[in-house]
Amino acid sequence: MKILVFCAKGFETMEFSAFIDVFGWARNDYGYPVQTETCG
Protein backbone atom coordinates (compact mmCIF):
# COMPACT_ATOMS: atom_id res chain seq x y z
CA MET A 1 0.00 0.00 0.00
CA LYS A 2 1.33 3.42 -0.90
CA ILE A 3 0.06 6.56 0.82
CA LEU A 4 0.59 10.11 -0.43
CA VAL A 5 0.57 12.85 2.23
CA PHE A 6 -0.07 16.35 0.90
CA CYS A 7 1.68 19.11 2.86
CA ALA A 8 0.45 22.67 2.55
CA LYS A 9 2.86 25.55 2.09
CA GLY A 10 4.33 26.54 5.45
CA PHE A 11 3.56 23.23 7.18
CA GLU A 12 5.47 22.11 10.24
CA THR A 13 6.86 18.62 10.63
CA MET A 14 5.00 18.01 13.90
CA GLU A 15 1.67 18.61 12.15
CA PHE A 16 1.86 15.44 10.07
CA SER A 17 4.39 13.30 11.97
CA ALA A 18 1.62 11.53 13.91
CA PHE A 19 0.17 10.15 10.66
CA ILE A 20 3.56 9.02 9.42
CA ASP A 21 4.18 7.32 12.79
CA VAL A 22 0.94 5.34 12.59
CA PHE A 23 1.80 4.12 9.08
CA GLY A 24 5.25 3.10 10.33
CA TRP A 25 3.68 1.10 13.17
CA ALA A 26 1.49 -0.72 10.66
CA ARG A 27 4.60 -1.71 8.73
CA ASN A 28 6.84 -2.65 11.68
CA ASP A 29 4.38 -4.10 14.17
CA TYR A 30 1.79 -5.74 11.92
CA GLY A 31 3.69 -6.49 8.71
CA TYR A 32 1.59 -4.37 6.35
CA PRO A 33 3.65 -3.14 3.39
CA VAL A 34 2.98 0.59 3.77
CA GLN A 35 5.04 3.18 1.91
CA THR A 36 4.56 6.89 2.55
CA GLU A 37 5.44 9.72 0.21
CA THR A 38 5.13 13.42 0.97
CA CYS A 39 4.24 16.11 -1.50
CA GLY A 40 4.13 19.84 -0.94
PDB file of N, CA and C in Angstrom:
ATOM      1  N   MET A   1       0.852  -1.162   0.000  1.00  0.00           N
ATOM      2  CA  MET A   1       0.000   0.000   0.000  1.00  0.00           C
ATOM      3  C   MET A   1       0.901   1.228   0.000  1.00  0.00           C
ATOM      4  N   LYS A   2       0.570   2.179  -0.834  1.00  0.00           N
ATOM      5  CA  LYS A   2       1.328   3.420  -0.903  1.00  0.00           C
ATOM      6  C   LYS A   2       0.397   4.568  -0.531  1.00  0.00           C
ATOM      7  N   ILE A   3       0.862   5.441   0.347  1.00  0.00           N
ATOM      8  CA  ILE A   3       0.059   6.563   0.823  1.00  0.00           C
ATOM      9  C   ILE A   3       0.784   7.854   0.484  1.00  0.00           C
ATOM     10  N   LEU A   4       0.043   8.797  -0.088  1.00  0.00           N
ATOM     11  CA  LEU A   4       0.589  10.106  -0.432  1.00  0.00           C
ATOM     12  C   LEU A   4       0.055  11.125   0.556  1.00  0.00           C
ATOM     13  N   VAL A   5       0.945  11.841   1.235  1.00  0.00           N
ATOM     14  CA  VAL A   5       0.566  12.847   2.226  1.00  0.00           C
ATOM     15  C   VAL A   5       0.839  14.218   1.618  1.00  0.00           C
ATOM     16  N   PHE A   6      -0.212  15.003   1.440  1.00  0.00           N
ATOM     17  CA  PHE A   6      -0.074  16.351   0.899  1.00  0.00           C
ATOM     18  C   PHE A   6       0.245  17.320   2.032  1.00  0.00           C
ATOM     19  N   CYS A   7       1.258  18.136   1.850  1.00  0.00           N
ATOM     20  CA  CYS A   7       1.677  19.106   2.861  1.00  0.00           C
ATOM     21  C   CYS A   7       1.487  20.510   2.301  1.00  0.00           C
ATOM     22  N   ALA A   8       0.710  21.308   2.995  1.00  0.00           N
ATOM     23  CA  ALA A   8       0.446  22.675   2.553  1.00  0.00           C
ATOM     24  C   ALA A   8       1.697  23.536   2.719  1.00  0.00           C
ATOM     25  N   LYS A   9       1.742  24.628   1.999  1.00  0.00           N
ATOM     26  CA  LYS A   9       2.862  25.546   2.089  1.00  0.00           C
ATOM     27  C   LYS A   9       2.949  26.097   3.513  1.00  0.00           C
ATOM     28  N   GLY A  10       4.125  26.048   4.096  1.00  0.00           N
ATOM     29  CA  GLY A  10       4.331  26.535   5.450  1.00  0.00           C
ATOM     30  C   GLY A  10       3.997  25.526   6.531  1.00  0.00           C
ATOM     31  N   PHE A  11       3.886  24.246   6.180  1.00  0.00           N
ATOM     32  CA  PHE A  11       3.557  23.232   7.176  1.00  0.00           C
ATOM     33  C   PHE A  11       4.738  23.030   8.127  1.00  0.00           C
ATOM     34  N   GLU A  12       4.440  22.485   9.287  1.00  0.00           N
ATOM     35  CA  GLU A  12       5.474  22.114  10.242  1.00  0.00           C
ATOM     36  C   GLU A  12       5.514  20.595  10.350  1.00  0.00           C
ATOM     37  N   THR A  13       6.680  20.067  10.583  1.00  0.00           N
ATOM     38  CA  THR A  13       6.863  18.618  10.630  1.00  0.00           C
ATOM     39  C   THR A  13       5.977  17.959  11.681  1.00  0.00           C
ATOM     40  N   MET A  14       5.803  18.598  12.818  1.00  0.00           N
ATOM     41  CA  MET A  14       5.001  18.013  13.896  1.00  0.00           C
ATOM     42  C   MET A  14       3.526  17.882  13.515  1.00  0.00           C
ATOM     43  N   GLU A  15       3.073  18.644  12.533  1.00  0.00           N
ATOM     44  CA  GLU A  15       1.667  18.605  12.147  1.00  0.00           C
ATOM     45  C   GLU A  15       1.284  17.301  11.456  1.00  0.00           C
ATOM     46  N   PHE A  16       2.210  16.676  10.766  1.00  0.00           N
ATOM     47  CA  PHE A  16       1.858  15.438  10.074  1.00  0.00           C
ATOM     48  C   PHE A  16       2.667  14.236  10.552  1.00  0.00           C
ATOM     49  N   SER A  17       3.561  14.425  11.520  1.00  0.00           N
ATOM     50  CA  SER A  17       4.391  13.305  11.966  1.00  0.00           C
ATOM     51  C   SER A  17       3.579  12.211  12.647  1.00  0.00           C
ATOM     52  N   ALA A  18       2.459  12.558  13.264  1.00  0.00           N
ATOM     53  CA  ALA A  18       1.622  11.527  13.907  1.00  0.00           C
ATOM     54  C   ALA A  18       1.084  10.546  12.873  1.00  0.00           C
ATOM     55  N   PHE A  19       0.675  11.036  11.708  1.00  0.00           N
ATOM     56  CA  PHE A  19       0.165  10.145  10.660  1.00  0.00           C
ATOM     57  C   PHE A  19       1.275   9.239  10.129  1.00  0.00           C
ATOM     58  N   ILE A  20       2.448   9.804   9.922  1.00  0.00           N
ATOM     59  CA  ILE A  20       3.564   9.015   9.420  1.00  0.00           C
ATOM     60  C   ILE A  20       3.952   7.952  10.454  1.00  0.00           C
ATOM     61  N   ASP A  21       3.894   8.289  11.742  1.00  0.00           N
ATOM     62  CA  ASP A  21       4.178   7.317  12.794  1.00  0.00           C
ATOM     63  C   ASP A  21       3.219   6.136  12.755  1.00  0.00           C
ATOM     64  N   VAL A  22       1.941   6.404  12.612  1.00  0.00           N
ATOM     65  CA  VAL A  22       0.943   5.336  12.588  1.00  0.00           C
ATOM     66  C   VAL A  22       1.188   4.396  11.413  1.00  0.00           C
ATOM     67  N   PHE A  23       1.516   4.965  10.245  1.00  0.00           N
ATOM     68  CA  PHE A  23       1.802   4.123   9.084  1.00  0.00           C
ATOM     69  C   PHE A  23       3.056   3.289   9.317  1.00  0.00           C
ATOM     70  N   GLY A  24       4.038   3.849  10.001  1.00  0.00           N
ATOM     71  CA  GLY A  24       5.250   3.102  10.334  1.00  0.00           C
ATOM     72  C   GLY A  24       4.964   1.956  11.286  1.00  0.00           C
ATOM     73  N   TRP A  25       4.065   2.174  12.246  1.00  0.00           N
ATOM     74  CA  TRP A  25       3.684   1.098  13.168  1.00  0.00           C
ATOM     75  C   TRP A  25       3.002  -0.031  12.415  1.00  0.00           C
ATOM     76  N   ALA A  26       2.170   0.313  11.454  1.00  0.00           N
ATOM     77  CA  ALA A  26       1.490  -0.723  10.665  1.00  0.00           C
ATOM     78  C   ALA A  26       2.507  -1.591   9.945  1.00  0.00           C
ATOM     79  N   ARG A  27       3.564  -0.962   9.443  1.00  0.00           N
ATOM     80  CA  ARG A  27       4.603  -1.713   8.733  1.00  0.00           C
ATOM     81  C   ARG A  27       5.433  -2.551   9.699  1.00  0.00           C
ATOM     82  N   ASN A  28       5.916  -1.956  10.778  1.00  0.00           N
ATOM     83  CA  ASN A  28       6.843  -2.648  11.680  1.00  0.00           C
ATOM     84  C   ASN A  28       6.151  -3.639  12.608  1.00  0.00           C
ATOM     85  N   ASP A  29       5.025  -3.257  13.169  1.00  0.00           N
ATOM     86  CA  ASP A  29       4.381  -4.100  14.168  1.00  0.00           C
ATOM     87  C   ASP A  29       3.447  -5.153  13.581  1.00  0.00           C
ATOM     88  N   TYR A  30       2.814  -4.843  12.460  1.00  0.00           N
ATOM     89  CA  TYR A  30       1.791  -5.745  11.922  1.00  0.00           C
ATOM     90  C   TYR A  30       2.132  -6.320  10.556  1.00  0.00           C
ATOM     91  N   GLY A  31       3.242  -5.898   9.960  1.00  0.00           N
ATOM     92  CA  GLY A  31       3.687  -6.489   8.711  1.00  0.00           C
ATOM     93  C   GLY A  31       2.984  -6.009   7.455  1.00  0.00           C
ATOM     94  N   TYR A  32       2.235  -4.913   7.543  1.00  0.00           N
ATOM     95  CA  TYR A  32       1.589  -4.366   6.346  1.00  0.00           C
ATOM     96  C   TYR A  32       2.615  -3.591   5.526  1.00  0.00           C
ATOM     97  N   PRO A  33       2.669  -3.830   4.231  1.00  0.00           N
ATOM     98  CA  PRO A  33       3.654  -3.136   3.387  1.00  0.00           C
ATOM     99  C   PRO A  33       3.208  -1.712   3.042  1.00  0.00           C
ATOM    100  N   VAL A  34       3.409  -0.780   3.955  1.00  0.00           N
ATOM    101  CA  VAL A  34       2.977   0.594   3.770  1.00  0.00           C
ATOM    102  C   VAL A  34       4.170   1.458   3.396  1.00  0.00           C
ATOM    103  N   GLN A  35       4.039   2.209   2.313  1.00  0.00           N
ATOM    104  CA  GLN A  35       5.044   3.185   1.912  1.00  0.00           C
ATOM    105  C   GLN A  35       4.410   4.560   1.963  1.00  0.00           C
ATOM    106  N   THR A  36       5.107   5.539   2.503  1.00  0.00           N
ATOM    107  CA  THR A  36       4.559   6.887   2.552  1.00  0.00           C
ATOM    108  C   THR A  36       5.423   7.819   1.715  1.00  0.00           C
ATOM    109  N   GLU A  37       4.772   8.698   1.011  1.00  0.00           N
ATOM    110  CA  GLU A  37       5.436   9.722   0.213  1.00  0.00           C
ATOM    111  C   GLU A  37       4.829  11.060   0.610  1.00  0.00           C
ATOM    112  N   THR A  38       5.648  12.091   0.668  1.00  0.00           N
ATOM    113  CA  THR A  38       5.131  13.421   0.975  1.00  0.00           C
ATOM    114  C   THR A  38       5.237  14.301  -0.257  1.00  0.00           C
ATOM    115  N   CYS A  39       4.303  15.205  -0.368  1.00  0.00           N
ATOM    116  CA  CYS A  39       4.243  16.115  -1.505  1.00  0.00           C
ATOM    117  C   CYS A  39       3.828  17.481  -0.985  1.00  0.00           C
ATOM    118  N   GLY A  40       4.488  18.505  -1.431  1.00  0.00           N
ATOM    119  CA  GLY A  40       4.129  19.838  -0.941  1.00  0.00           C
ATOM    120  C   GLY A  40       4.360  20.898  -1.975  1.00  0.00           C
TER     121      GLY A  40
END
